[in-house]
C-alpha atoms as a PDB file:
ATOM      1  CA  MET A   1       0.014   0.367  -0.331  1.00  0.00           C
ATOM      2  CA  PRO A   2       1.708   3.267  -0.879  1.00  0.00           C
ATOM      3  CA  ALA A   3       2.754   5.437   1.963  1.00  0.00           C
ATOM      4  CA  ASN A   4       0.667   8.136   0.742  1.00  0.00           C
ATOM      5  CA  GLN A   5      -2.780   6.763   0.475  1.00  0.00           C
ATOM      6  CA  GLU A   6      -5.548   7.783   3.246  1.00  0.00           C
ATOM      7  CA  LEU A   7      -7.371   4.645   4.799  1.00  0.00           C
ATOM      8  CA  PRO A   8     -10.599   3.976   6.672  1.00  0.00           C
ATOM      9  CA  HIS A   9     -10.959   5.372   9.995  1.00  0.00           C
ATOM     10  CA  PRO A  10     -15.065   4.774  11.555  1.00  0.00           C
ATOM     11  CA  ALA A  11     -16.681   7.439  12.985  1.00  0.00           C
ATOM     12  CA  MET A  12     -16.669   7.379  16.883  1.00  0.00           C
ATOM     13  CA  ALA A  13     -20.844   7.020  16.201  1.00  0.00           C
ATOM     14  CA  ASP A  14     -19.727   3.492  14.534  1.00  0.00           C
ATOM     15  CA  VAL A  15     -17.468   2.015  17.439  1.00  0.00           C
ATOM     16  CA  GLU A  16     -18.859  -1.412  19.473  1.00  0.00           C
ATOM     17  CA  LEU A  17     -17.565  -1.219  22.919  1.00  0.00           C
ATOM     18  CA  THR A  18     -16.750  -5.419  22.140  1.00  0.00           C
ATOM     19  CA  ASP A  19     -14.519  -4.174  19.265  1.00  0.00           C
ATOM     20  CA  VAL A  20     -12.187  -1.321  21.483  1.00  0.00           C
ATOM     21  CA  LEU A  21     -11.770  -4.539  24.478  1.00  0.00           C
ATOM     22  CA  PHE A  22     -11.340  -6.685  21.908  1.00  0.00           C
ATOM     23  CA  ALA A  23      -8.966  -4.817  20.375  1.00  0.00           C
ATOM     24  CA  LEU A  24      -7.206  -4.359  23.868  1.00  0.00           C
ATOM     25  CA  SER A  25      -7.058  -8.099  24.971  1.00  0.00           C
ATOM     26  CA  ASP A  26      -4.328  -8.781  22.781  1.00  0.00           C
ATOM     27  CA  PRO A  27      -0.665  -8.151  24.534  1.00  0.00           C
ATOM     28  CA  ALA A  28       1.412  -6.615  21.309  1.00  0.00           C
ATOM     29  CA  ARG A  29      -1.149  -5.018  20.295  1.00  0.00           C
ATOM     30  CA  LEU A  30      -2.161  -2.831  23.608  1.00  0.00           C
ATOM     31  CA  GLN A  31       1.567  -2.336  23.264  1.00  0.00           C
ATOM     32  CA  ILE A  32       1.397  -0.291  20.583  1.00  0.00           C
ATOM     33  CA  VAL A  33      -1.365   1.670  22.504  1.00  0.00           C
ATOM     34  CA  ARG A  34       1.151   2.302  25.648  1.00  0.00           C
ATOM     35  CA  ASP A  35       3.422   3.077  22.977  1.00  0.00           C
ATOM     36  CA  LEU A  36       1.301   5.321  21.615  1.00  0.00           C
ATOM     37  CA  ALA A  37      -0.231   7.203  24.815  1.00  0.00           C
ATOM     38  CA  ASP A  38       2.550   9.588  24.774  1.00  0.00           C
ATOM     39  CA  GLY A  39       1.792  10.936  21.759  1.00  0.00           C
ATOM     40  CA  PRO A  40       1.871  10.348  17.690  1.00  0.00           C
ATOM     41  CA  LEU A  41       4.421   7.917  16.628  1.00  0.00           C
ATOM     42  CA  GLU A  42       6.072   6.953  12.763  1.00  0.00           C
ATOM     43  CA  MET A  43       4.267   3.690  11.845  1.00  0.00           C
ATOM     44  CA  ALA A  44       8.435   2.462  11.358  1.00  0.00           C
ATOM     45  CA  GLN A  45       8.462   3.531  15.422  1.00  0.00           C
ATOM     46  CA  CYS A  46       5.414   1.699  16.798  1.00  0.00           C
ATOM     47  CA  GLY A  47       6.210  -1.575  18.517  1.00  0.00           C
ATOM     48  CA  ALA A  48       9.850  -0.740  18.399  1.00  0.00           C
ATOM     49  CA  THR A  49       9.575  -2.768  21.795  1.00  0.00           C
ATOM     50  CA  ASN A  50       9.299  -5.796  19.673  1.00  0.00           C
ATOM     51  CA  PRO A  51      11.781  -5.893  16.533  1.00  0.00           C
ATOM     52  CA  ALA A  52      11.544  -9.157  15.740  1.00  0.00           C
ATOM     53  CA  LEU A  53       7.528  -8.725  14.725  1.00  0.00           C
ATOM     54  CA  PRO A  54       7.113  -9.199  10.789  1.00  0.00           C
ATOM     55  CA  LYS A  55       6.353  -6.717   9.372  1.00  0.00           C
ATOM     56  CA  SER A  56       3.119  -8.087   8.014  1.00  0.00           C
ATOM     57  CA  THR A  57       2.179  -9.268  12.554  1.00  0.00           C
ATOM     58  CA  LYS A  58       2.641  -5.722  12.794  1.00  0.00           C
ATOM     59  CA  SER A  59      -0.162  -3.950   9.670  1.00  0.00           C
ATOM     60  CA  HIS A  60      -2.153  -7.220  10.865  1.00  0.00           C
ATOM     61  CA  LEU A  61      -2.357  -5.407  14.408  1.00  0.00           C
ATOM     62  CA  MET A  62      -2.728  -1.905  13.407  1.00  0.00           C
ATOM     63  CA  LYS A  63      -6.002  -2.599  11.180  1.00  0.00           C
ATOM     64  CA  VAL A  64      -7.326  -4.452  14.097  1.00  0.00           C
ATOM     65  CA  LEU A  65      -6.907  -1.016  16.393  1.00  0.00           C
ATOM     66  CA  ARG A  66      -7.838   1.646  13.426  1.00  0.00           C
ATOM     67  CA  GLU A  67     -10.787  -0.540  12.642  1.00  0.00           C
ATOM     68  CA  ALA A  68     -11.823  -0.892  17.101  1.00  0.00           C
ATOM     69  CA  GLY A  69     -11.214   3.127  15.824  1.00  0.00           C
ATOM     70  CA  ILE A  70      -8.153   3.482  18.948  1.00  0.00           C
ATOM     71  CA  ILE A  71      -5.777   4.287  16.600  1.00  0.00           C
ATOM     72  CA  ARG A  72      -5.823   6.949  13.255  1.00  0.00           C
ATOM     73  CA  ASN A  73      -3.349   6.041  10.469  1.00  0.00           C
ATOM     74  CA  GLU A  74      -2.468   8.607   8.070  1.00  0.00           C
ATOM     75  CA  PRO A  75       0.115  10.091   5.807  1.00  0.00           C
ATOM     76  CA  ARG A  76       3.002  12.055   6.604  1.00  0.00           C
ATOM     77  CA  GLY A  77       4.604  12.661   3.332  1.00  0.00           C
ATOM     78  CA  ARG A  78       6.428   8.412   2.578  1.00  0.00           C
ATOM     79  CA  GLU A  79       5.713   7.900   5.921  1.00  0.00           C
ATOM     80  CA  ARG A  80       2.593   7.483   8.452  1.00  0.00           C
ATOM     81  CA  LEU A  81       1.532   8.799  11.457  1.00  0.00           C
ATOM     82  CA  VAL A  82      -0.382   6.620  13.772  1.00  0.00           C
ATOM     83  CA  SER A  83      -1.722   8.427  16.611  1.00  0.00           C
ATOM     84  CA  LEU A  84      -4.385   6.844  19.914  1.00  0.00           C
ATOM     85  CA  ARG A  85      -7.652   8.371  19.686  1.00  0.00           C
ATOM     86  CA  ARG A  86      -7.019   9.462  22.960  1.00  0.00           C
ATOM     87  CA  ASP A  87      -9.613  12.660  23.175  1.00  0.00           C
ATOM     88  CA  GLU A  88     -12.416  10.904  21.125  1.00  0.00           C
ATOM     89  CA  LEU A  89     -12.414   8.048  23.313  1.00  0.00           C
ATOM     90  CA  ASP A  90     -12.473  10.027  26.605  1.00  0.00           C
ATOM     91  CA  ALA A  91     -15.530  11.279  25.264  1.00  0.00           C
ATOM     92  CA  THR A  92     -17.214   8.255  23.779  1.00  0.00           C
ATOM     93  CA  PHE A  93     -15.911   5.671  26.496  1.00  0.00           C
ATOM     94  CA  PRO A  94     -15.263   7.499  29.244  1.00  0.00           C
ATOM     95  CA  GLY A  95     -12.404   6.249  31.243  1.00  0.00           C
ATOM     96  CA  LEU A  96     -12.178   2.917  29.508  1.00  0.00           C
ATOM     97  CA  LEU A  97      -7.937   3.773  28.322  1.00  0.00           C
ATOM     98  CA  ASP A  98      -6.785   5.101  31.803  1.00  0.00           C
ATOM     99  CA  GLY A  99      -8.518   1.865  33.038  1.00  0.00           C
ATOM    100  CA  VAL A 100      -6.468   0.088  30.923  1.00  0.00           C
ATOM    101  CA  LEU A 101      -3.385   1.644  30.581  1.00  0.00           C
ATOM    102  CA  GLY A 102      -3.184   2.025  34.357  1.00  0.00           C
ATOM    103  CA  THR A 103      -2.891   5.923  33.931  1.00  0.00           C
ATOM    104  CA  THR A 104      -5.469   9.392  34.939  1.00  0.00           C
ATOM    105  CA  ARG A 105      -5.304  12.022  32.357  1.00  0.00           C
ATOM    106  CA  ARG A 106      -3.845  15.125  33.629  1.00  0.00           C
END
């Protein structure tokens, strides 16, 4: 897929809590969300804690998170910028990310 191609992202009104919980239930996907909690990262930086992760597996993890409405994956030049949809998720499911990530939002 070309780096400059837009990917579909669900509207928050269409995001189901069960899909979000399923996406967060996988340790590798949860680690990506933890990595993104401090701010957006280039796709190559996501999941950097596991460099042995095949590119195809990483792409699948990102797809599940994006389709669940947890992340945004947008073209940025020749790269892709991945960000957590934190404000939207907090508005739709208050306290969910704080509870899952074990954090308190400032």
